[in-house]
Amino acid sequence: MVQRIDKTNYYLNIAKAVAERSTCLRKKCGCVIVNNDEIISTGYSGAPRGRKNCIDLGFCTKKKLFPDVRHGGYDACRSVHAEQNAIISASRKEMIGATLYLVLFRPETGEYDEGANSCQTCRKLIINAGIKKVVVRGKTDDEYMEIDVNDWIENDDLLDGKTTY
């Protein structure tokens, strides 16, 4: 008997397809915002409209300026993040109570970015958009992590001094 893919992996697979449009040389990022089992918007990482993308330049500005920084140096990044692009493409009314599905993978290997999560700026936008849950692809095609956005509110890591920029 043929089994159907579950909804979570269905939406994560769509987010991976969206990530294929990403123009970032460091990692391909894509997301899908879903509410009431309906796709509200999608987004992938890339330079603002009209600006040159890293794939056009042939180098990553963040990597060039901050070669050893994994979580931080975001001001040097040319890309608008996938979550940001999806949020600006949707109305807040549609996003209240929604789930954001996020996939990040390395273009050179195709491997998922294990332990990936939204940056602080994206977290703030997700909170204010009214999104309630974030689901991030794990290290394989059937693994994922679910995050209750209220945890980001209650456990404000900007106050613990451990956050890096």
C-alpha atoms as a PDB file:
ATOM      1  CA  MET A   1       0.000   0.000   0.000  1.00  0.00           C
ATOM      2  CA  VAL A   2       1.306   3.451  -0.937  1.00  0.00           C
ATOM      3  CA  GLN A   3       1.544   5.902   1.945  1.00  0.00           C
ATOM      4  CA  ARG A   4       0.984   9.618   1.626  1.00  0.00           C
ATOM      5  CA  ILE A   5       3.563  12.012   2.964  1.00  0.00           C
ATOM      6  CA  ASP A   6       2.494  13.679   6.205  1.00  0.00           C
ATOM      7  CA  LYS A   7       1.575  17.386   6.095  1.00  0.00           C
ATOM      8  CA  THR A   8       4.644  18.576   7.993  1.00  0.00           C
ATOM      9  CA  ASN A   9       7.071  16.965   5.557  1.00  0.00           C
ATOM     10  CA  TYR A  10       4.870  18.051   2.648  1.00  0.00           C
ATOM     11  CA  TYR A  11       5.256  21.701   3.638  1.00  0.00           C
ATOM     12  CA  LEU A  12       8.951  21.266   4.446  1.00  0.00           C
ATOM     13  CA  ASN A  13       9.492  19.777   0.980  1.00  0.00           C
ATOM     14  CA  ILE A  14       7.791  22.810  -0.550  1.00  0.00           C
ATOM     15  CA  ALA A  15      10.070  25.050   1.539  1.00  0.00           C
ATOM     16  CA  LYS A  16      13.074  23.129   0.170  1.00  0.00           C
ATOM     17  CA  ALA A  17      11.869  23.716  -3.391  1.00  0.00           C
ATOM     18  CA  VAL A  18      11.490  27.423  -2.573  1.00  0.00           C
ATOM     19  CA  ALA A  19      15.055  27.409  -1.162  1.00  0.00           C
ATOM     20  CA  GLU A  20      16.370  26.343  -4.563  1.00  0.00           C
ATOM     21  CA  ARG A  21      15.670  29.937  -5.702  1.00  0.00           C
ATOM     22  CA  SER A  22      17.983  31.299  -2.980  1.00  0.00           C
ATOM     23  CA  THR A  23      20.909  33.338  -4.289  1.00  0.00           C
ATOM     24  CA  CYS A  24      23.086  32.942  -1.198  1.00  0.00           C
ATOM     25  CA  LEU A  25      26.416  31.162  -1.668  1.00  0.00           C
ATOM     26  CA  ARG A  26      26.668  30.076   1.998  1.00  0.00           C
ATOM     27  CA  LYS A  27      23.296  28.419   2.446  1.00  0.00           C
ATOM     28  CA  LYS A  28      20.071  27.981   0.568  1.00  0.00           C
ATOM     29  CA  CYS A  29      17.103  29.065   2.691  1.00  0.00           C
ATOM     30  CA  GLY A  30      13.427  28.773   1.953  1.00  0.00           C
ATOM     31  CA  CYS A  31      10.236  28.983   3.947  1.00  0.00           C
ATOM     32  CA  VAL A  32       6.503  28.600   3.637  1.00  0.00           C
ATOM     33  CA  ILE A  33       3.924  30.234   5.898  1.00  0.00           C
ATOM     34  CA  VAL A  34       0.794  28.107   6.323  1.00  0.00           C
ATOM     35  CA  ASN A  35      -2.439  28.883   8.129  1.00  0.00           C
ATOM     36  CA  ASN A  36      -5.522  26.658   8.245  1.00  0.00           C
ATOM     37  CA  ASP A  37      -3.817  24.236   5.848  1.00  0.00           C
ATOM     38  CA  GLU A  38      -3.408  26.960   3.214  1.00  0.00           C
ATOM     39  CA  ILE A  39      -0.118  28.412   1.970  1.00  0.00           C
ATOM     40  CA  ILE A  40      -0.140  32.128   2.764  1.00  0.00           C
ATOM     41  CA  SER A  41       3.274  33.027   1.328  1.00  0.00           C
ATOM     42  CA  THR A  42       6.753  31.753   0.533  1.00  0.00           C
ATOM     43  CA  GLY A  43      10.187  33.311   0.752  1.00  0.00           C
ATOM     44  CA  TYR A  44      13.799  32.570  -0.045  1.00  0.00           C
ATOM     45  CA  SER A  45      17.032  34.379   0.776  1.00  0.00           C
ATOM     46  CA  GLY A  46      18.412  36.837  -1.745  1.00  0.00           C
ATOM     47  CA  ALA A  47      19.550  40.405  -2.232  1.00  0.00           C
ATOM     48  CA  PRO A  48      16.930  43.161  -2.232  1.00  0.00           C
ATOM     49  CA  ARG A  49      15.217  43.687  -5.579  1.00  0.00           C
ATOM     50  CA  GLY A  50      17.516  45.370  -8.073  1.00  0.00           C
ATOM     51  CA  ARG A  51      20.730  44.741  -6.110  1.00  0.00           C
ATOM     52  CA  LYS A  52      23.313  42.211  -7.174  1.00  0.00           C
ATOM     53  CA  ASN A  53      23.090  38.788  -5.571  1.00  0.00           C
ATOM     54  CA  CYS A  54      26.122  36.959  -4.199  1.00  0.00           C
ATOM     55  CA  ILE A  55      25.795  34.372  -6.973  1.00  0.00           C
ATOM     56  CA  ASP A  56      26.118  37.269  -9.478  1.00  0.00           C
ATOM     57  CA  LEU A  57      29.117  38.749  -7.635  1.00  0.00           C
ATOM     58  CA  GLY A  58      30.792  35.366  -7.226  1.00  0.00           C
ATOM     59  CA  PHE A  59      31.485  35.831  -3.512  1.00  0.00           C
ATOM     60  CA  CYS A  60      29.709  36.085  -0.180  1.00  0.00           C
ATOM     61  CA  THR A  61      30.216  39.501   1.412  1.00  0.00           C
ATOM     62  CA  LYS A  62      29.571  38.177   4.915  1.00  0.00           C
ATOM     63  CA  LYS A  63      32.092  35.364   4.477  1.00  0.00           C
ATOM     64  CA  LYS A  64      34.608  37.808   3.004  1.00  0.00           C
ATOM     65  CA  LEU A  65      34.307  40.254   5.924  1.00  0.00           C
ATOM     66  CA  PHE A  66      33.672  37.745   8.741  1.00  0.00           C
ATOM     67  CA  PRO A  67      35.157  34.385   7.599  1.00  0.00           C
ATOM     68  CA  ASP A  68      34.954  32.670  10.997  1.00  0.00           C
ATOM     69  CA  VAL A  69      31.559  33.929  12.189  1.00  0.00           C
ATOM     70  CA  ARG A  70      28.666  31.495  11.836  1.00  0.00           C
ATOM     71  CA  HIS A  71      25.982  33.284  13.852  1.00  0.00           C
ATOM     72  CA  GLY A  72      26.528  36.986  13.436  1.00  0.00           C
ATOM     73  CA  GLY A  73      27.775  39.581  10.988  1.00  0.00           C
ATOM     74  CA  TYR A  74      24.286  39.814   9.512  1.00  0.00           C
ATOM     75  CA  ASP A  75      24.720  43.471   8.586  1.00  0.00           C
ATOM     76  CA  ALA A  76      27.388  42.376   6.094  1.00  0.00           C
ATOM     77  CA  CYS A  77      25.017  39.892   4.464  1.00  0.00           C
ATOM     78  CA  ARG A  78      23.492  41.038   1.150  1.00  0.00           C
ATOM     79  CA  SER A  79      20.442  38.816   1.553  1.00  0.00           C
ATOM     80  CA  VAL A  80      16.998  39.502   2.848  1.00  0.00           C
ATOM     81  CA  HIS A  81      16.298  36.306   4.791  1.00  0.00           C
ATOM     82  CA  ALA A  82      13.699  33.789   3.640  1.00  0.00           C
ATOM     83  CA  GLU A  83      11.508  34.430   6.682  1.00  0.00           C
ATOM     84  CA  GLN A  84      11.638  38.185   6.082  1.00  0.00           C
ATOM     85  CA  ASN A  85      10.670  37.821   2.421  1.00  0.00           C
ATOM     86  CA  ALA A  86       7.747  35.538   3.290  1.00  0.00           C
ATOM     87  CA  ILE A  87       6.500  37.867   6.038  1.00  0.00           C
ATOM     88  CA  ILE A  88       6.573  40.999   3.856  1.00  0.00           C
ATOM     89  CA  SER A  89       4.593  39.118   1.189  1.00  0.00           C
ATOM     90  CA  ALA A  90       1.676  38.303   3.504  1.00  0.00           C
ATOM     91  CA  SER A  91      -0.848  40.256   5.522  1.00  0.00           C
ATOM     92  CA  ARG A  92      -0.611  40.070   9.299  1.00  0.00           C
ATOM     93  CA  LYS A  93      -4.263  39.026   9.486  1.00  0.00           C
ATOM     94  CA  GLU A  94      -3.414  35.884   7.497  1.00  0.00           C
ATOM     95  CA  MET A  95      -0.333  35.094   9.591  1.00  0.00           C
ATOM     96  CA  ILE A  96      -1.931  35.219  13.052  1.00  0.00           C
ATOM     97  CA  GLY A  97      -1.754  31.679  14.421  1.00  0.00           C
ATOM     98  CA  ALA A  98       0.168  30.400  11.379  1.00  0.00           C
ATOM     99  CA  THR A  99       3.081  27.977  11.115  1.00  0.00           C
ATOM    100  CA  LEU A 100       6.324  28.862   9.335  1.00  0.00           C
ATOM    101  CA  TYR A 101       8.181  25.924   7.738  1.00  0.00           C
ATOM    102  CA  LEU A 102      11.910  26.570   7.259  1.00  0.00           C
ATOM    103  CA  VAL A 103      14.584  24.651   5.341  1.00  0.00           C
ATOM    104  CA  LEU A 104      18.282  25.557   5.174  1.00  0.00           C
ATOM    105  CA  PHE A 105      20.939  23.581   3.339  1.00  0.00           C
ATOM    106  CA  ARG A 106      24.509  24.000   2.132  1.00  0.00           C
ATOM    107  CA  PRO A 107      24.705  24.483  -1.652  1.00  0.00           C
ATOM    108  CA  GLU A 108      28.114  22.819  -1.946  1.00  0.00           C
ATOM    109  CA  THR A 109      27.011  19.568  -0.272  1.00  0.00           C
ATOM    110  CA  GLY A 110      23.207  19.620  -0.321  1.00  0.00           C
ATOM    111  CA  GLU A 111      23.277  18.736   3.390  1.00  0.00           C
ATOM    112  CA  TYR A 112      20.772  20.333   5.712  1.00  0.00           C
ATOM    113  CA  ASP A 113      22.158  22.877   8.135  1.00  0.00           C
ATOM    114  CA  GLU A 114      21.830  20.885  11.356  1.00  0.00           C
ATOM    115  CA  GLY A 115      20.661  22.961  14.287  1.00  0.00           C
ATOM    116  CA  ALA A 116      19.573  25.798  12.000  1.00  0.00           C
ATOM    117  CA  ASN A 117      17.154  28.323  13.374  1.00  0.00           C
ATOM    118  CA  SER A 118      15.910  31.820  12.662  1.00  0.00           C
ATOM    119  CA  CYS A 119      18.245  34.702  13.509  1.00  0.00           C
ATOM    120  CA  GLN A 120      17.278  37.295  16.138  1.00  0.00           C
ATOM    121  CA  THR A 121      15.925  39.756  13.577  1.00  0.00           C
ATOM    122  CA  CYS A 122      13.748  37.086  11.964  1.00  0.00           C
ATOM    123  CA  ARG A 123      12.561  35.910  15.386  1.00  0.00           C
ATOM    124  CA  LYS A 124      11.375  39.422  16.201  1.00  0.00           C
ATOM    125  CA  LEU A 125       9.513  39.635  12.894  1.00  0.00           C
ATOM    126  CA  ILE A 126       7.969  36.169  13.376  1.00  0.00           C
ATOM    127  CA  ILE A 127       6.775  37.155  16.859  1.00  0.00           C
ATOM    128  CA  ASN A 128       5.241  40.425  15.660  1.00  0.00           C
ATOM    129  CA  ALA A 129       3.641  38.746  12.630  1.00  0.00           C
ATOM    130  CA  GLY A 130       1.605  36.569  14.998  1.00  0.00           C
ATOM    131  CA  ILE A 131       3.101  33.295  13.785  1.00  0.00           C
ATOM    132  CA  LYS A 132       2.700  30.663  16.509  1.00  0.00           C
ATOM    133  CA  LYS A 133       4.971  27.818  15.422  1.00  0.00           C
ATOM    134  CA  VAL A 134       8.177  27.368  13.421  1.00  0.00           C
ATOM    135  CA  VAL A 135       9.117  23.976  11.995  1.00  0.00           C
ATOM    136  CA  VAL A 136      12.736  23.567  10.883  1.00  0.00           C
ATOM    137  CA  ARG A 137      14.039  20.676   8.747  1.00  0.00           C
ATOM    138  CA  GLY A 138      16.478  18.464  10.662  1.00  0.00           C
ATOM    139  CA  LYS A 139      19.503  16.649   9.288  1.00  0.00           C
ATOM    140  CA  THR A 140      17.511  14.219   7.097  1.00  0.00           C
ATOM    141  CA  ASP A 141      14.446  14.413   4.851  1.00  0.00           C
ATOM    142  CA  ASP A 142      12.135  13.124   7.568  1.00  0.00           C
ATOM    143  CA  GLU A 143      13.506  14.902  10.644  1.00  0.00           C
ATOM    144  CA  TYR A 144      12.328  18.252  11.898  1.00  0.00           C
ATOM    145  CA  MET A 145      12.199  20.402  15.004  1.00  0.00           C
ATOM    146  CA  GLU A 146       9.040  22.219  16.129  1.00  0.00           C
ATOM    147  CA  ILE A 147       9.417  25.514  17.960  1.00  0.00           C
ATOM    148  CA  ASP A 148       6.637  27.192  19.881  1.00  0.00           C
ATOM    149  CA  VAL A 149       7.161  30.906  19.217  1.00  0.00           C
ATOM    150  CA  ASN A 150       5.951  31.644  22.766  1.00  0.00           C
ATOM    151  CA  ASP A 151       9.199  30.022  23.946  1.00  0.00           C
ATOM    152  CA  TRP A 152      11.110  32.802  22.156  1.00  0.00           C
ATOM    153  CA  ILE A 153       8.969  35.341  23.996  1.00  0.00           C
ATOM    154  CA  GLU A 154       9.201  33.747  27.444  1.00  0.00           C
ATOM    155  CA  ASN A 155      12.897  32.788  27.186  1.00  0.00           C
ATOM    156  CA  ASP A 156      14.180  36.065  25.763  1.00  0.00           C
ATOM    157  CA  ASP A 157      17.787  35.179  24.953  1.00  0.00           C
ATOM    158  CA  LEU A 158      18.529  38.826  24.208  1.00  0.00           C
ATOM    159  CA  LEU A 159      18.442  39.338  27.974  1.00  0.00           C
ATOM    160  CA  ASP A 160      20.857  36.539  28.930  1.00  0.00           C
ATOM    161  CA  GLY A 161      23.939  38.060  27.304  1.00  0.00           C
ATOM    162  CA  LYS A 162      24.656  34.891  25.292  1.00  0.00           C
ATOM    163  CA  THR A 163      23.296  36.095  21.952  1.00  0.00           C
ATOM    164  CA  THR A 164      25.834  36.833  19.227  1.00  0.00           C
ATOM    165  CA  TYR A 165      25.414  39.292  16.367  1.00  0.00           C
END
